[in-house]
Amino acid sequence: MEINWFIVAVFLVGAIVLLLYLIKKNQKDKKDVTQFFNTDTTVRKESELDEDDGY
């Protein structure tokens, strides 16, 4: 039984390309999620006092 090196090479190149694509996409998603969680999305009522303002 002989190994078909052409098919093995095509499979390995495809796996490497897929891996690189997933790493690139993950880095972009990580950047977007970090930016989302770092933004202040809380809505403050004007009647609330700030902790720093005092009474």
PDB file of N, CA and C in Angstrom:
ATOM      1  N   MET A   1       0.844  -1.171   0.000  1.00  0.00           N
ATOM      2  CA  MET A   1       0.000   0.000   0.000  1.00  0.00           C
ATOM      3  C   MET A   1       0.892   1.237   0.000  1.00  0.00           C
ATOM      4  N   GLU A   2       0.618   2.100  -0.947  1.00  0.00           N
ATOM      5  CA  GLU A   2       1.457   3.267  -1.142  1.00  0.00           C
ATOM      6  C   GLU A   2       0.721   4.527  -0.662  1.00  0.00           C
ATOM      7  N   ILE A   3       1.471   5.461  -0.074  1.00  0.00           N
ATOM      8  CA  ILE A   3       0.895   6.717   0.411  1.00  0.00           C
ATOM      9  C   ILE A   3       0.843   7.704  -0.744  1.00  0.00           C
ATOM     10  N   ASN A   4      -0.325   8.312  -0.932  1.00  0.00           N
ATOM     11  CA  ASN A   4      -0.467   9.319  -1.964  1.00  0.00           C
ATOM     12  C   ASN A   4      -0.059  10.662  -1.362  1.00  0.00           C
ATOM     13  N   TRP A   5       1.192  11.078  -1.632  1.00  0.00           N
ATOM     14  CA  TRP A   5       1.749  12.265  -1.006  1.00  0.00           C
ATOM     15  C   TRP A   5       1.077  13.540  -1.489  1.00  0.00           C
ATOM     16  N   PHE A   6       0.534  13.531  -2.692  1.00  0.00           N
ATOM     17  CA  PHE A   6      -0.151  14.712  -3.207  1.00  0.00           C
ATOM     18  C   PHE A   6      -1.386  15.031  -2.362  1.00  0.00           C
ATOM     19  N   ILE A   7      -2.173  14.030  -2.048  1.00  0.00           N
ATOM     20  CA  ILE A   7      -3.391  14.235  -1.245  1.00  0.00           C
ATOM     21  C   ILE A   7      -3.018  14.653   0.178  1.00  0.00           C
ATOM     22  N   VAL A   8      -1.975  14.068   0.737  1.00  0.00           N
ATOM     23  CA  VAL A   8      -1.525  14.437   2.079  1.00  0.00           C
ATOM     24  C   VAL A   8      -1.061  15.898   2.088  1.00  0.00           C
ATOM     25  N   ALA A   9      -0.326  16.321   1.065  1.00  0.00           N
ATOM     26  CA  ALA A   9       0.159  17.694   0.985  1.00  0.00           C
ATOM     27  C   ALA A   9      -1.002  18.674   0.845  1.00  0.00           C
ATOM     28  N   VAL A  10      -1.980  18.366   0.024  1.00  0.00           N
ATOM     29  CA  VAL A  10      -3.144  19.239  -0.144  1.00  0.00           C
ATOM     30  C   VAL A  10      -3.900  19.359   1.178  1.00  0.00           C
ATOM     31  N   PHE A  11      -4.069  18.260   1.857  1.00  0.00           N
ATOM     32  CA  PHE A  11      -4.762  18.280   3.149  1.00  0.00           C
ATOM     33  C   PHE A  11      -4.001  19.131   4.171  1.00  0.00           C
ATOM     34  N   LEU A  12      -2.687  18.981   4.246  1.00  0.00           N
ATOM     35  CA  LEU A  12      -1.892  19.749   5.196  1.00  0.00           C
ATOM     36  C   LEU A  12      -1.908  21.247   4.881  1.00  0.00           C
ATOM     37  N   VAL A  13      -1.809  21.601   3.609  1.00  0.00           N
ATOM     38  CA  VAL A  13      -1.873  23.014   3.223  1.00  0.00           C
ATOM     39  C   VAL A  13      -3.245  23.586   3.579  1.00  0.00           C
ATOM     40  N   GLY A  14      -4.298  22.849   3.324  1.00  0.00           N
ATOM     41  CA  GLY A  14      -5.647  23.300   3.681  1.00  0.00           C
ATOM     42  C   GLY A  14      -5.806  23.478   5.183  1.00  0.00           C
ATOM     43  N   ALA A  15      -5.260  22.556   5.959  1.00  0.00           N
ATOM     44  CA  ALA A  15      -5.341  22.652   7.415  1.00  0.00           C
ATOM     45  C   ALA A  15      -4.569  23.869   7.926  1.00  0.00           C
ATOM     46  N   ILE A  16      -3.418  24.146   7.354  1.00  0.00           N
ATOM     47  CA  ILE A  16      -2.616  25.300   7.774  1.00  0.00           C
ATOM     48  C   ILE A  16      -3.323  26.601   7.421  1.00  0.00           C
ATOM     49  N   VAL A  17      -3.909  26.669   6.233  1.00  0.00           N
ATOM     50  CA  VAL A  17      -4.650  27.872   5.825  1.00  0.00           C
ATOM     51  C   VAL A  17      -5.851  28.084   6.746  1.00  0.00           C
ATOM     52  N   LEU A  18      -6.570  27.042   7.069  1.00  0.00           N
ATOM     53  CA  LEU A  18      -7.712  27.149   7.970  1.00  0.00           C
ATOM     54  C   LEU A  18      -7.267  27.619   9.355  1.00  0.00           C
ATOM     55  N   LEU A  19      -6.191  27.083   9.855  1.00  0.00           N
ATOM     56  CA  LEU A  19      -5.665  27.466  11.155  1.00  0.00           C
ATOM     57  C   LEU A  19      -5.272  28.943  11.179  1.00  0.00           C
ATOM     58  N   LEU A  20      -4.589  29.413  10.151  1.00  0.00           N
ATOM     59  CA  LEU A  20      -4.196  30.822  10.080  1.00  0.00           C
ATOM     60  C   LEU A  20      -5.420  31.734   9.998  1.00  0.00           C
ATOM     61  N   TYR A  21      -6.437  31.330   9.246  1.00  0.00           N
ATOM     62  CA  TYR A  21      -7.667  32.109   9.137  1.00  0.00           C
ATOM     63  C   TYR A  21      -8.361  32.209  10.495  1.00  0.00           C
ATOM     64  N   LEU A  22      -8.452  31.096  11.214  1.00  0.00           N
ATOM     65  CA  LEU A  22      -9.119  31.105  12.513  1.00  0.00           C
ATOM     66  C   LEU A  22      -8.359  31.952  13.531  1.00  0.00           C
ATOM     67  N   ILE A  23      -7.049  31.921  13.495  1.00  0.00           N
ATOM     68  CA  ILE A  23      -6.251  32.745  14.410  1.00  0.00           C
ATOM     69  C   ILE A  23      -6.477  34.227  14.119  1.00  0.00           C
ATOM     70  N   LYS A  24      -6.477  34.593  12.833  1.00  0.00           N
ATOM     71  CA  LYS A  24      -6.688  35.991  12.458  1.00  0.00           C
ATOM     72  C   LYS A  24      -8.083  36.456  12.875  1.00  0.00           C
ATOM     73  N   LYS A  25      -9.095  35.640  12.638  1.00  0.00           N
ATOM     74  CA  LYS A  25     -10.471  35.988  12.997  1.00  0.00           C
ATOM     75  C   LYS A  25     -10.618  36.106  14.510  1.00  0.00           C
ATOM     76  N   ASN A  26      -9.981  35.213  15.252  1.00  0.00           N
ATOM     77  CA  ASN A  26     -10.063  35.243  16.710  1.00  0.00           C
ATOM     78  C   ASN A  26      -9.441  36.524  17.258  1.00  0.00           C
ATOM     79  N   GLN A  27      -8.324  36.970  16.707  1.00  0.00           N
ATOM     80  CA  GLN A  27      -7.694  38.205  17.163  1.00  0.00           C
ATOM     81  C   GLN A  27      -8.601  39.405  16.909  1.00  0.00           C
ATOM     82  N   LYS A  28      -9.289  39.414  15.766  1.00  0.00           N
ATOM     83  CA  LYS A  28     -10.198  40.520  15.456  1.00  0.00           C
ATOM     84  C   LYS A  28     -11.382  40.503  16.412  1.00  0.00           C
ATOM     85  N   ASP A  29     -11.940  39.318  16.677  1.00  0.00           N
ATOM     86  CA  ASP A  29     -13.064  39.212  17.599  1.00  0.00           C
ATOM     87  C   ASP A  29     -12.653  39.597  19.014  1.00  0.00           C
ATOM     88  N   LYS A  30     -11.454  39.235  19.413  1.00  0.00           N
ATOM     89  CA  LYS A  30     -10.965  39.578  20.747  1.00  0.00           C
ATOM     90  C   LYS A  30     -10.870  41.092  20.893  1.00  0.00           C
ATOM     91  N   LYS A  31     -10.400  41.759  19.861  1.00  0.00           N
ATOM     92  CA  LYS A  31     -10.285  43.219  19.871  1.00  0.00           C
ATOM     93  C   LYS A  31     -11.669  43.859  19.979  1.00  0.00           C
ATOM     94  N   ASP A  32     -12.644  43.353  19.223  1.00  0.00           N
ATOM     95  CA  ASP A  32     -14.000  43.896  19.252  1.00  0.00           C
ATOM     96  C   ASP A  32     -14.658  43.693  20.618  1.00  0.00           C
ATOM     97  N   VAL A  33     -14.485  42.513  21.203  1.00  0.00           N
ATOM     98  CA  VAL A  33     -15.093  42.220  22.501  1.00  0.00           C
ATOM     99  C   VAL A  33     -14.453  43.081  23.588  1.00  0.00           C
ATOM    100  N   THR A  34     -13.139  43.235  23.534  1.00  0.00           N
ATOM    101  CA  THR A  34     -12.451  44.074  24.518  1.00  0.00           C
ATOM    102  C   THR A  34     -12.947  45.512  24.427  1.00  0.00           C
ATOM    103  N   GLN A  35     -13.100  46.014  23.225  1.00  0.00           N
ATOM    104  CA  GLN A  35     -13.596  47.377  23.045  1.00  0.00           C
ATOM    105  C   GLN A  35     -15.032  47.491  23.548  1.00  0.00           C
ATOM    106  N   PHE A  36     -15.863  46.486  23.313  1.00  0.00           N
ATOM    107  CA  PHE A  36     -17.253  46.516  23.762  1.00  0.00           C
ATOM    108  C   PHE A  36     -17.335  46.577  25.282  1.00  0.00           C
ATOM    109  N   PHE A  37     -16.541  45.750  25.964  1.00  0.00           N
ATOM    110  CA  PHE A  37     -16.610  45.715  27.423  1.00  0.00           C
ATOM    111  C   PHE A  37     -15.929  46.921  28.072  1.00  0.00           C
ATOM    112  N   ASN A  38     -15.031  47.578  27.368  1.00  0.00           N
ATOM    113  CA  ASN A  38     -14.377  48.748  27.930  1.00  0.00           C
ATOM    114  C   ASN A  38     -15.195  50.020  27.778  1.00  0.00           C
ATOM    115  N   THR A  39     -16.189  50.019  26.911  1.00  0.00           N
ATOM    116  CA  THR A  39     -17.022  51.214  26.753  1.00  0.00           C
ATOM    117  C   THR A  39     -18.027  51.283  27.895  1.00  0.00           C
ATOM    118  N   ASP A  40     -18.327  52.493  28.318  1.00  0.00           N
ATOM    119  CA  ASP A  40     -19.274  52.698  29.411  1.00  0.00           C
ATOM    120  C   ASP A  40     -20.677  52.700  28.815  1.00  0.00           C
ATOM    121  N   THR A  41     -21.435  51.653  29.083  1.00  0.00           N
ATOM    122  CA  THR A  41     -22.776  51.535  28.509  1.00  0.00           C
ATOM    123  C   THR A  41     -23.863  51.786  29.539  1.00  0.00           C
ATOM    124  N   THR A  42     -23.479  52.171  30.746  1.00  0.00           N
ATOM    125  CA  THR A  42     -24.476  52.410  31.783  1.00  0.00           C
ATOM    126  C   THR A  42     -25.167  53.742  31.541  1.00  0.00           C
ATOM    127  N   VAL A  43     -26.445  53.772  31.788  1.00  0.00           N
ATOM    128  CA  VAL A  43     -27.225  54.987  31.646  1.00  0.00           C
ATOM    129  C   VAL A  43     -27.487  55.506  33.052  1.00  0.00           C
ATOM    130  N   ARG A  44     -27.011  56.715  33.303  1.00  0.00           N
ATOM    131  CA  ARG A  44     -27.177  57.278  34.639  1.00  0.00           C
ATOM    132  C   ARG A  44     -28.349  58.245  34.637  1.00  0.00           C
ATOM    133  N   LYS A  45     -29.122  58.178  35.703  1.00  0.00           N
ATOM    134  CA  LYS A  45     -30.219  59.116  35.863  1.00  0.00           C
ATOM    135  C   LYS A  45     -29.654  60.429  36.384  1.00  0.00           C
ATOM    136  N   GLU A  46     -30.266  61.525  36.005  1.00  0.00           N
ATOM    137  CA  GLU A  46     -29.770  62.822  36.446  1.00  0.00           C
ATOM    138  C   GLU A  46     -30.043  63.053  37.921  1.00  0.00           C
ATOM    139  N   SER A  47     -31.006  62.336  38.488  1.00  0.00           N
ATOM    140  CA  SER A  47     -31.331  62.530  39.893  1.00  0.00           C
ATOM    141  C   SER A  47     -30.348  61.813  40.811  1.00  0.00           C
ATOM    142  N   GLU A  48     -29.540  60.901  40.267  1.00  0.00           N
ATOM    143  CA  GLU A  48     -28.568  60.194  41.089  1.00  0.00           C
ATOM    144  C   GLU A  48     -27.408  61.107  41.418  1.00  0.00           C
ATOM    145  N   LEU A  49     -26.901  61.004  42.621  1.00  0.00           N
ATOM    146  CA  LEU A  49     -25.738  61.768  43.024  1.00  0.00           C
ATOM    147  C   LEU A  49     -24.488  60.955  42.743  1.00  0.00           C
ATOM    148  N   ASP A  50     -23.446  61.618  42.318  1.00  0.00           N
ATOM    149  CA  ASP A  50     -22.168  60.929  42.136  1.00  0.00           C
ATOM    150  C   ASP A  50     -21.564  60.683  43.501  1.00  0.00           C
ATOM    151  N   GLU A  51     -20.786  59.623  43.628  1.00  0.00           N
ATOM    152  CA  GLU A  51     -20.142  59.330  44.888  1.00  0.00           C
ATOM    153  C   GLU A  51     -19.117  60.397  45.229  1.00  0.00           C
ATOM    154  N   ASP A  52     -18.515  60.997  44.229  1.00  0.00           N
ATOM    155  CA  ASP A  52     -17.489  62.007  44.462  1.00  0.00           C
ATOM    156  C   ASP A  52     -18.073  63.377  44.780  1.00  0.00           C
ATOM    157  N   ASP A  53     -19.304  63.637  44.388  1.00  0.00           N
ATOM    158  CA  ASP A  53     -19.900  64.958  44.568  1.00  0.00           C
ATOM    159  C   ASP A  53     -20.247  65.246  46.025  1.00  0.00           C
ATOM    160  N   GLY A  54     -20.543  64.261  46.798  1.00  0.00           N
ATOM    161  CA  GLY A  54     -20.946  64.483  48.194  1.00  0.00           C
ATOM    162  C   GLY A  54     -22.395  64.884  48.282  1.00  0.00           C
ATOM    163  N   TYR A  55     -22.763  65.486  49.422  1.00  0.00           N
ATOM    164  CA  TYR A  55     -24.161  65.838  49.636  1.00  0.00           C
ATOM    165  C   TYR A  55     -24.387  67.279  49.471  1.00  0.00           C
TER     166      TYR A  55
END
